[in-house]
Amino acid sequence: MKLNSKLFNVSMCVFCAFLCMTTIGCDTEGTANEASQDVPEELTVEEINAERGDACECIDSALLKLNAFLEVMTDEEYSTSKSLNDGLSLAMAGCMTPTGQKEADSAWSKAISKCDSFVQVREAMFQVREQALILKDIEQNEFANQSKDSKVDGAAGILDRLRDGTQGN
């Protein structure tokens, strides 16, 4: 039950990362707050989003990047769920990156959701989600096997591996 719960959490994190970045203007590294300091307050939502360009051109270019990422996401470079998430973040950078201005990011999200390519981007994100679930399952099994193999270490050994990051994520 715990494994299913963790897998569900991972899958939701991957899928929601895209939505979070575009809808509420936050990302996993807290740069949204930094970005909000870079945007002058006197700019209107329309002006901020005009600097991003056309929403449908943005989503089309994001789809191209995402499709290229899908082709290589099963490579050894993305052998952990963390590396997969990091690669996805890099692939989706650019006009999809939140500005930190919530109203502008929300309006941008609504604009891109009206584009024809948005459905394809969403479907591609589901493919990434599935790969993340597979990788997380492998990581969980490896960790469980390591825990069984090192019963001599006990709880201290498990905590040491968690601290050292040998669980994979």
N, C-alpha and C. Protein backbone atom coordinates (compact mmCIF):
# COMPACT_ATOMS: atom_id res chain seq x y z
N MET A 1 0.83 -1.19 0.00
CA MET A 1 0.00 0.00 0.00
C MET A 1 0.87 1.24 0.00
N LYS A 2 1.97 1.22 0.79
CA LYS A 2 2.85 2.38 0.85
C LYS A 2 3.52 2.62 -0.50
N LEU A 3 3.90 1.53 -1.18
CA LEU A 3 4.55 1.66 -2.48
C LEU A 3 3.61 2.29 -3.49
N ASN A 4 2.36 1.84 -3.52
CA ASN A 4 1.38 2.43 -4.43
C ASN A 4 1.18 3.90 -4.12
N SER A 5 1.15 4.23 -2.84
CA SER A 5 0.97 5.62 -2.45
C SER A 5 2.16 6.46 -2.91
N LYS A 6 3.37 5.95 -2.75
CA LYS A 6 4.56 6.68 -3.18
C LYS A 6 4.60 6.81 -4.69
N LEU A 7 4.23 5.77 -5.40
CA LEU A 7 4.21 5.84 -6.86
C LEU A 7 3.18 6.85 -7.34
N PHE A 8 2.04 6.87 -6.68
CA PHE A 8 1.03 7.85 -7.05
C PHE A 8 1.55 9.26 -6.81
N ASN A 9 2.24 9.46 -5.68
CA ASN A 9 2.80 10.78 -5.38
C ASN A 9 3.81 11.19 -6.43
N VAL A 10 4.68 10.29 -6.84
CA VAL A 10 5.68 10.61 -7.85
C VAL A 10 5.02 10.98 -9.16
N SER A 11 4.04 10.20 -9.55
CA SER A 11 3.38 10.47 -10.83
C SER A 11 2.66 11.80 -10.79
N MET A 12 2.05 12.10 -9.70
CA MET A 12 1.37 13.38 -9.59
C MET A 12 2.37 14.53 -9.58
N CYS A 13 3.54 14.32 -8.99
CA CYS A 13 4.56 15.36 -8.98
C CYS A 13 5.03 15.67 -10.39
N VAL A 14 5.27 14.65 -11.19
CA VAL A 14 5.72 14.86 -12.56
C VAL A 14 4.66 15.59 -13.36
N PHE A 15 3.43 15.14 -13.27
CA PHE A 15 2.35 15.76 -14.04
C PHE A 15 2.07 17.17 -13.53
N CYS A 16 2.05 17.32 -12.22
CA CYS A 16 1.71 18.62 -11.65
C CYS A 16 2.85 19.63 -11.79
N ALA A 17 4.09 19.15 -11.97
CA ALA A 17 5.20 20.09 -12.13
C ALA A 17 4.94 21.01 -13.30
N PHE A 18 4.50 20.45 -14.41
CA PHE A 18 4.19 21.26 -15.59
C PHE A 18 3.05 22.21 -15.29
N LEU A 19 2.00 21.69 -14.69
CA LEU A 19 0.85 22.55 -14.40
C LEU A 19 1.19 23.61 -13.37
N CYS A 20 1.98 23.24 -12.38
CA CYS A 20 2.39 24.20 -11.35
C CYS A 20 3.22 25.32 -11.95
N MET A 21 4.16 24.95 -12.81
CA MET A 21 5.03 25.97 -13.41
C MET A 21 4.22 26.95 -14.24
N THR A 22 3.20 26.48 -14.92
CA THR A 22 2.45 27.37 -15.80
C THR A 22 1.25 28.02 -15.13
N THR A 23 0.68 27.38 -14.13
CA THR A 23 -0.55 27.90 -13.54
C THR A 23 -0.29 28.88 -12.41
N ILE A 24 0.52 28.46 -11.44
CA ILE A 24 0.70 29.35 -10.29
C ILE A 24 2.10 29.93 -10.20
N GLY A 25 2.95 29.60 -11.15
CA GLY A 25 4.24 30.26 -11.22
C GLY A 25 5.22 29.84 -10.15
N CYS A 26 5.25 28.56 -9.83
CA CYS A 26 6.24 28.10 -8.89
C CYS A 26 7.01 26.96 -9.52
N ASP A 27 8.20 26.73 -9.02
CA ASP A 27 8.96 25.58 -9.47
C ASP A 27 9.62 24.94 -8.27
N THR A 28 10.31 23.82 -8.51
CA THR A 28 10.83 23.04 -7.41
C THR A 28 12.02 23.68 -6.73
N GLU A 29 12.62 24.67 -7.34
CA GLU A 29 13.81 25.25 -6.75
C GLU A 29 13.57 26.64 -6.18
N GLY A 30 12.33 27.08 -6.13
CA GLY A 30 12.01 28.34 -5.50
C GLY A 30 12.40 29.56 -6.29
N THR A 31 12.66 29.44 -7.57
CA THR A 31 13.07 30.59 -8.35
C THR A 31 11.90 31.49 -8.71
N ALA A 32 10.68 31.06 -8.45
CA ALA A 32 9.54 31.91 -8.76
C ALA A 32 9.57 33.19 -7.93
N ASN A 33 9.98 33.08 -6.66
CA ASN A 33 10.09 34.27 -5.83
C ASN A 33 11.17 35.19 -6.36
N GLU A 34 12.28 34.62 -6.81
CA GLU A 34 13.35 35.42 -7.38
C GLU A 34 12.88 36.08 -8.67
N ALA A 35 12.14 35.33 -9.48
CA ALA A 35 11.67 35.86 -10.75
C ALA A 35 10.69 37.00 -10.53
N SER A 36 9.88 36.92 -9.47
CA SER A 36 8.91 37.98 -9.23
C SER A 36 9.62 39.28 -8.90
N GLN A 37 10.82 39.22 -8.37
CA GLN A 37 11.57 40.43 -8.07
C GLN A 37 12.12 41.05 -9.35
N ASP A 38 12.30 40.24 -10.40
CA ASP A 38 12.84 40.74 -11.65
C ASP A 38 11.78 41.42 -12.51
N VAL A 39 10.50 41.15 -12.28
CA VAL A 39 9.43 41.71 -13.09
C VAL A 39 8.98 43.01 -12.46
N PRO A 40 9.13 44.12 -13.17
CA PRO A 40 8.68 45.39 -12.60
C PRO A 40 7.17 45.36 -12.38
N GLU A 41 6.73 45.92 -11.27
CA GLU A 41 5.31 45.86 -10.93
C GLU A 41 4.45 46.70 -11.85
N GLU A 42 5.03 47.67 -12.57
CA GLU A 42 4.21 48.52 -13.40
C GLU A 42 3.78 47.87 -14.71
N LEU A 43 4.35 46.71 -15.05
CA LEU A 43 3.94 46.01 -16.26
C LEU A 43 2.57 45.37 -16.04
N THR A 44 1.74 45.43 -17.05
CA THR A 44 0.44 44.77 -16.97
C THR A 44 0.60 43.30 -17.34
N VAL A 45 -0.43 42.54 -17.07
CA VAL A 45 -0.43 41.11 -17.41
C VAL A 45 -0.22 40.94 -18.91
N GLU A 46 -0.88 41.76 -19.69
CA GLU A 46 -0.77 41.68 -21.15
C GLU A 46 0.67 41.98 -21.61
N GLU A 47 1.30 42.96 -20.98
CA GLU A 47 2.67 43.32 -21.36
C GLU A 47 3.65 42.21 -20.99
N ILE A 48 3.45 41.63 -19.82
CA ILE A 48 4.33 40.54 -19.38
C ILE A 48 4.22 39.36 -20.34
N ASN A 49 2.99 39.00 -20.68
CA ASN A 49 2.79 37.85 -21.56
C ASN A 49 3.16 38.16 -23.01
N ALA A 50 3.08 39.42 -23.40
CA ALA A 50 3.50 39.81 -24.75
C ALA A 50 4.99 39.58 -24.93
N GLU A 51 5.75 39.75 -23.85
CA GLU A 51 7.20 39.50 -23.91
C GLU A 51 7.51 38.03 -24.15
N ARG A 52 6.60 37.16 -23.77
CA ARG A 52 6.78 35.72 -23.97
C ARG A 52 6.55 35.31 -25.42
N GLY A 53 5.83 36.13 -26.16
CA GLY A 53 5.51 35.80 -27.54
C GLY A 53 4.12 35.20 -27.66
N ASP A 54 3.88 34.55 -28.77
CA ASP A 54 2.58 33.94 -29.04
C ASP A 54 2.45 32.63 -28.25
N ALA A 55 1.34 32.47 -27.56
CA ALA A 55 1.13 31.28 -26.72
C ALA A 55 1.17 30.00 -27.53
N CYS A 56 0.54 30.00 -28.71
CA CYS A 56 0.50 28.77 -29.51
C CYS A 56 1.86 28.44 -30.12
N GLU A 57 2.64 29.47 -30.46
CA GLU A 57 4.00 29.22 -30.94
C GLU A 57 4.85 28.65 -29.80
N CYS A 58 4.62 29.15 -28.60
CA CYS A 58 5.33 28.65 -27.42
C CYS A 58 5.02 27.18 -27.19
N ILE A 59 3.74 26.83 -27.21
CA ILE A 59 3.35 25.45 -26.94
C ILE A 59 3.81 24.53 -28.06
N ASP A 60 3.84 25.04 -29.29
CA ASP A 60 4.35 24.25 -30.42
C ASP A 60 5.84 23.96 -30.23
N SER A 61 6.61 24.97 -29.83
CA SER A 61 8.04 24.74 -29.62
C SER A 61 8.27 23.84 -28.41
N ALA A 62 7.44 23.98 -27.39
CA ALA A 62 7.55 23.10 -26.22
C ALA A 62 7.24 21.66 -26.61
N LEU A 63 6.28 21.48 -27.50
CA LEU A 63 5.95 20.13 -27.96
C LEU A 63 7.13 19.51 -28.71
N LEU A 64 7.80 20.30 -29.53
CA LEU A 64 8.98 19.78 -30.24
C LEU A 64 10.06 19.36 -29.25
N LYS A 65 10.31 20.20 -28.25
CA LYS A 65 11.32 19.87 -27.22
C LYS A 65 10.90 18.63 -26.44
N LEU A 66 9.63 18.56 -26.11
CA LEU A 66 9.12 17.43 -25.34
C LEU A 66 9.19 16.14 -26.13
N ASN A 67 8.87 16.20 -27.42
CA ASN A 67 8.97 15.01 -28.27
C ASN A 67 10.42 14.54 -28.37
N ALA A 68 11.35 15.48 -28.49
CA ALA A 68 12.78 15.11 -28.51
C ALA A 68 13.18 14.48 -27.18
N PHE A 69 12.65 15.01 -26.09
CA PHE A 69 12.94 14.44 -24.77
C PHE A 69 12.36 13.03 -24.65
N LEU A 70 11.17 12.82 -25.18
CA LEU A 70 10.55 11.49 -25.12
C LEU A 70 11.39 10.44 -25.82
N GLU A 71 12.07 10.85 -26.89
CA GLU A 71 12.90 9.90 -27.63
C GLU A 71 14.12 9.45 -26.84
N VAL A 72 14.61 10.28 -25.95
CA VAL A 72 15.83 9.94 -25.21
C VAL A 72 15.59 9.66 -23.73
N MET A 73 14.34 9.77 -23.28
CA MET A 73 14.11 9.64 -21.84
C MET A 73 14.37 8.23 -21.30
N THR A 74 14.44 7.24 -22.16
CA THR A 74 14.74 5.89 -21.68
C THR A 74 16.23 5.59 -21.74
N ASP A 75 17.04 6.57 -22.17
CA ASP A 75 18.49 6.39 -22.21
C ASP A 75 19.04 6.27 -20.79
N GLU A 76 20.27 5.81 -20.71
CA GLU A 76 20.91 5.63 -19.41
C GLU A 76 21.07 6.95 -18.66
N GLU A 77 21.11 8.05 -19.39
CA GLU A 77 21.24 9.37 -18.75
C GLU A 77 20.08 9.64 -17.79
N TYR A 78 18.92 9.10 -18.09
CA TYR A 78 17.74 9.29 -17.27
C TYR A 78 17.37 7.97 -16.60
N SER A 79 18.27 7.46 -15.80
CA SER A 79 18.06 6.16 -15.17
C SER A 79 17.43 6.26 -13.78
N THR A 80 17.22 7.49 -13.30
CA THR A 80 16.54 7.68 -12.02
C THR A 80 15.38 8.65 -12.22
N SER A 81 14.44 8.61 -11.30
CA SER A 81 13.30 9.52 -11.41
C SER A 81 13.76 10.97 -11.26
N LYS A 82 14.78 11.20 -10.45
CA LYS A 82 15.29 12.57 -10.29
C LYS A 82 15.91 13.08 -11.58
N SER A 83 16.72 12.26 -12.23
CA SER A 83 17.34 12.70 -13.48
C SER A 83 16.28 12.91 -14.56
N LEU A 84 15.24 12.09 -14.54
CA LEU A 84 14.14 12.26 -15.49
C LEU A 84 13.43 13.60 -15.26
N ASN A 85 13.14 13.90 -14.00
CA ASN A 85 12.48 15.18 -13.68
C ASN A 85 13.37 16.37 -14.03
N ASP A 86 14.66 16.26 -13.76
CA ASP A 86 15.60 17.34 -14.11
C ASP A 86 15.65 17.53 -15.63
N GLY A 87 15.69 16.44 -16.37
CA GLY A 87 15.71 16.52 -17.83
C GLY A 87 14.43 17.13 -18.37
N LEU A 88 13.31 16.78 -17.77
CA LEU A 88 12.04 17.35 -18.19
C LEU A 88 12.01 18.86 -17.94
N SER A 89 12.52 19.27 -16.80
CA SER A 89 12.56 20.70 -16.49
C SER A 89 13.38 21.46 -17.51
N LEU A 90 14.51 20.89 -17.89
CA LEU A 90 15.34 21.53 -18.91
C LEU A 90 14.63 21.58 -20.26
N ALA A 91 13.96 20.50 -20.60
CA ALA A 91 13.27 20.44 -21.89
C ALA A 91 12.12 21.44 -21.96
N MET A 92 11.50 21.71 -20.86
CA MET A 92 10.35 22.60 -20.85
C MET A 92 10.72 24.05 -20.55
N ALA A 93 11.99 24.35 -20.37
CA ALA A 93 12.42 25.72 -20.09
C ALA A 93 12.16 26.62 -21.29
N GLY A 94 12.12 27.89 -21.04
CA GLY A 94 11.90 28.86 -22.11
C GLY A 94 10.61 29.61 -21.87
N CYS A 95 9.79 29.71 -22.90
CA CYS A 95 8.54 30.46 -22.77
C CYS A 95 7.57 29.80 -21.80
N MET A 96 7.82 28.56 -21.44
CA MET A 96 6.96 27.86 -20.48
C MET A 96 7.37 28.15 -19.04
N THR A 97 8.50 28.82 -18.86
CA THR A 97 9.00 29.12 -17.52
C THR A 97 8.15 30.22 -16.90
N PRO A 98 7.72 30.01 -15.67
CA PRO A 98 6.89 31.03 -15.01
C PRO A 98 7.67 32.31 -14.75
N THR A 99 6.95 33.42 -14.76
CA THR A 99 7.58 34.72 -14.49
C THR A 99 7.58 35.04 -13.01
N GLY A 100 6.74 34.38 -12.25
CA GLY A 100 6.60 34.68 -10.84
C GLY A 100 5.46 35.65 -10.58
N GLN A 101 4.87 36.19 -11.62
CA GLN A 101 3.73 37.09 -11.50
C GLN A 101 2.48 36.22 -11.68
N LYS A 102 1.79 35.94 -10.59
CA LYS A 102 0.72 34.94 -10.61
C LYS A 102 -0.37 35.22 -11.63
N GLU A 103 -0.79 36.45 -11.74
CA GLU A 103 -1.86 36.77 -12.68
C GLU A 103 -1.41 36.53 -14.12
N ALA A 104 -0.18 36.95 -14.43
CA ALA A 104 0.35 36.77 -15.78
C ALA A 104 0.54 35.29 -16.09
N ASP A 105 1.07 34.54 -15.12
CA ASP A 105 1.28 33.11 -15.33
C ASP A 105 -0.04 32.37 -15.50
N SER A 106 -1.05 32.78 -14.75
CA SER A 106 -2.37 32.16 -14.88
C SER A 106 -2.97 32.48 -16.25
N ALA A 107 -2.86 33.73 -16.68
CA ALA A 107 -3.39 34.11 -18.00
C ALA A 107 -2.64 33.38 -19.10
N TRP A 108 -1.33 33.21 -18.94
CA TRP A 108 -0.51 32.49 -19.92
C TRP A 108 -0.94 31.04 -19.99
N SER A 109 -1.18 30.44 -18.83
CA SER A 109 -1.61 29.05 -18.79
C SER A 109 -2.94 28.87 -19.51
N LYS A 110 -3.85 29.79 -19.29
CA LYS A 110 -5.15 29.72 -19.97
C LYS A 110 -4.98 29.89 -21.47
N ALA A 111 -4.07 30.77 -21.88
CA ALA A 111 -3.85 31.01 -23.31
C ALA A 111 -3.28 29.77 -23.99
N ILE A 112 -2.29 29.13 -23.36
CA ILE A 112 -1.69 27.96 -24.00
C ILE A 112 -2.65 26.77 -24.00
N SER A 113 -3.55 26.72 -23.02
CA SER A 113 -4.48 25.60 -22.97
C SER A 113 -5.50 25.64 -24.11
N LYS A 114 -5.62 26.79 -24.77
CA LYS A 114 -6.55 26.92 -25.90
C LYS A 114 -5.90 26.54 -27.23
N CYS A 115 -4.62 26.28 -27.23
CA CYS A 115 -3.90 25.96 -28.47
C CYS A 115 -4.11 24.49 -28.85
N ASP A 116 -4.04 24.23 -30.15
CA ASP A 116 -4.25 22.87 -30.66
C ASP A 116 -3.22 21.89 -30.10
N SER A 117 -1.99 22.32 -29.93
CA SER A 117 -0.91 21.43 -29.49
C SER A 117 -0.97 21.09 -28.01
N PHE A 118 -1.80 21.78 -27.26
CA PHE A 118 -1.83 21.56 -25.82
C PHE A 118 -2.20 20.13 -25.47
N VAL A 119 -3.15 19.55 -26.18
CA VAL A 119 -3.57 18.18 -25.91
C VAL A 119 -2.39 17.22 -26.13
N GLN A 120 -1.61 17.47 -27.18
CA GLN A 120 -0.45 16.62 -27.45
C GLN A 120 0.60 16.77 -26.35
N VAL A 121 0.79 17.99 -25.85
CA VAL A 121 1.73 18.20 -24.75
C VAL A 121 1.25 17.44 -23.52
N ARG A 122 -0.03 17.51 -23.25
CA ARG A 122 -0.57 16.80 -22.09
C ARG A 122 -0.38 15.29 -22.23
N GLU A 123 -0.61 14.75 -23.42
CA GLU A 123 -0.41 13.31 -23.65
C GLU A 123 1.06 12.93 -23.48
N ALA A 124 1.95 13.79 -23.95
CA ALA A 124 3.38 13.53 -23.79
C ALA A 124 3.77 13.54 -22.32
N MET A 125 3.15 14.44 -21.56
CA MET A 125 3.43 14.49 -20.12
C MET A 125 2.98 13.20 -19.44
N PHE A 126 1.90 12.60 -19.91
CA PHE A 126 1.47 11.32 -19.36
C PHE A 126 2.51 10.24 -19.66
N GLN A 127 3.15 10.28 -20.82
CA GLN A 127 4.21 9.31 -21.14
C GLN A 127 5.39 9.48 -20.20
N VAL A 128 5.75 10.73 -19.92
CA VAL A 128 6.84 10.99 -18.98
C VAL A 128 6.44 10.48 -17.60
N ARG A 129 5.20 10.69 -17.23
CA ARG A 129 4.70 10.22 -15.94
C ARG A 129 4.84 8.70 -15.83
N GLU A 130 4.48 7.99 -16.88
CA GLU A 130 4.59 6.54 -16.86
C GLU A 130 6.04 6.09 -16.70
N GLN A 131 6.96 6.76 -17.40
CA GLN A 131 8.37 6.42 -17.27
C GLN A 131 8.87 6.72 -15.85
N ALA A 132 8.40 7.82 -15.29
CA ALA A 132 8.79 8.15 -13.91
C ALA A 132 8.29 7.08 -12.94
N LEU A 133 7.08 6.57 -13.17
CA LEU A 133 6.55 5.50 -12.32
C LEU A 133 7.40 4.24 -12.42
N ILE A 134 7.81 3.92 -13.64
CA ILE A 134 8.66 2.74 -13.85
C ILE A 134 9.98 2.91 -13.10
N LEU A 135 10.61 4.07 -13.27
CA LEU A 135 11.89 4.32 -12.60
C LEU A 135 11.74 4.32 -11.09
N LYS A 136 10.66 4.90 -10.59
CA LYS A 136 10.45 4.94 -9.14
C LYS A 136 10.23 3.53 -8.60
N ASP A 137 9.52 2.71 -9.36
CA ASP A 137 9.30 1.32 -8.94
C ASP A 137 10.63 0.56 -8.88
N ILE A 138 11.48 0.77 -9.88
CA ILE A 138 12.80 0.13 -9.90
C ILE A 138 13.61 0.59 -8.69
N GLU A 139 13.58 1.91 -8.42
CA GLU A 139 14.32 2.45 -7.28
C GLU A 139 13.81 1.86 -5.96
N GLN A 140 12.51 1.74 -5.82
CA GLN A 140 11.93 1.18 -4.60
C GLN A 140 12.34 -0.28 -4.42
N ASN A 141 12.31 -1.05 -5.53
CA ASN A 141 12.71 -2.46 -5.45
C ASN A 141 14.19 -2.59 -5.11
N GLU A 142 15.03 -1.76 -5.73
CA GLU A 142 16.46 -1.80 -5.42
C GLU A 142 16.71 -1.46 -3.96
N PHE A 143 16.01 -0.46 -3.46
CA PHE A 143 16.18 -0.07 -2.07
C PHE A 143 15.72 -1.18 -1.14
N ALA A 144 14.59 -1.81 -1.48
CA ALA A 144 14.09 -2.91 -0.65
C ALA A 144 15.08 -4.08 -0.65
N ASN A 145 15.66 -4.38 -1.83
CA ASN A 145 16.65 -5.46 -1.90
C ASN A 145 17.91 -5.10 -1.12
N GLN A 146 18.34 -3.88 -1.19
CA GLN A 146 19.50 -3.46 -0.41
C GLN A 146 19.22 -3.56 1.09
N SER A 147 17.99 -3.23 1.46
CA SER A 147 17.62 -3.31 2.87
C SER A 147 17.61 -4.76 3.35
N LYS A 148 17.13 -5.69 2.49
CA LYS A 148 17.13 -7.10 2.85
C LYS A 148 18.55 -7.64 2.95
N ASP A 149 19.42 -7.20 2.02
CA ASP A 149 20.80 -7.68 2.00
C ASP A 149 21.61 -7.16 3.17
N SER A 150 21.20 -6.06 3.75
CA SER A 150 22.02 -5.46 4.81
C SER A 150 21.29 -5.45 6.14
N LYS A 151 20.67 -6.56 6.47
CA LYS A 151 19.96 -6.63 7.75
C LYS A 151 20.91 -6.47 8.92
N VAL A 152 22.19 -6.76 8.69
CA VAL A 152 23.18 -6.62 9.75
C VAL A 152 23.29 -5.15 10.15
N ASP A 153 23.17 -4.26 9.18
CA ASP A 153 23.29 -2.84 9.46
C ASP A 153 22.10 -2.32 10.26
N GLY A 154 20.95 -2.91 10.08
CA GLY A 154 19.76 -2.49 10.78
C GLY A 154 19.30 -1.11 10.37
N ALA A 155 18.61 -0.47 11.28
CA ALA A 155 18.04 0.85 10.99
C ALA A 155 19.12 1.89 10.73
N ALA A 156 20.24 1.78 11.40
CA ALA A 156 21.33 2.75 11.21
C ALA A 156 21.86 2.68 9.79
N GLY A 157 21.99 1.48 9.25
CA GLY A 157 22.46 1.33 7.87
C GLY A 157 21.48 1.92 6.87
N ILE A 158 20.21 1.69 7.11
CA ILE A 158 19.19 2.25 6.22
C ILE A 158 19.22 3.76 6.28
N LEU A 159 19.31 4.32 7.47
CA LEU A 159 19.37 5.78 7.61
C LEU A 159 20.62 6.35 6.95
N ASP A 160 21.74 5.63 7.05
CA ASP A 160 22.97 6.09 6.40
C ASP A 160 22.80 6.12 4.89
N ARG A 161 22.18 5.07 4.33
CA ARG A 161 21.96 5.04 2.87
C ARG A 161 21.01 6.15 2.44
N LEU A 162 19.98 6.40 3.22
CA LEU A 162 19.05 7.49 2.90
C LEU A 162 19.78 8.83 2.93
N ARG A 163 20.61 9.02 3.94
CA ARG A 163 21.37 10.26 4.06
C ARG A 163 22.33 10.43 2.90
N ASP A 164 22.95 9.35 2.47
CA ASP A 164 23.93 9.41 1.38
C ASP A 164 23.27 9.43 0.02
N GLY A 165 21.97 9.24 -0.04
CA GLY A 165 21.26 9.32 -1.31
C GLY A 165 21.35 8.07 -2.16
N THR A 166 21.67 6.94 -1.56
CA THR A 166 21.78 5.72 -2.35
C THR A 166 20.44 5.10 -2.67
N GLN A 167 19.38 5.70 -2.15
CA GLN A 167 18.06 5.19 -2.48
C GLN A 167 17.69 5.57 -3.91
N GLY A 168 18.30 6.58 -4.47
CA GLY A 168 18.01 6.98 -5.84
C GLY A 168 17.15 8.22 -5.86
N ASN A 169 16.36 8.41 -4.85
CA ASN A 169 15.53 9.61 -4.72
C ASN A 169 14.41 9.36 -3.78
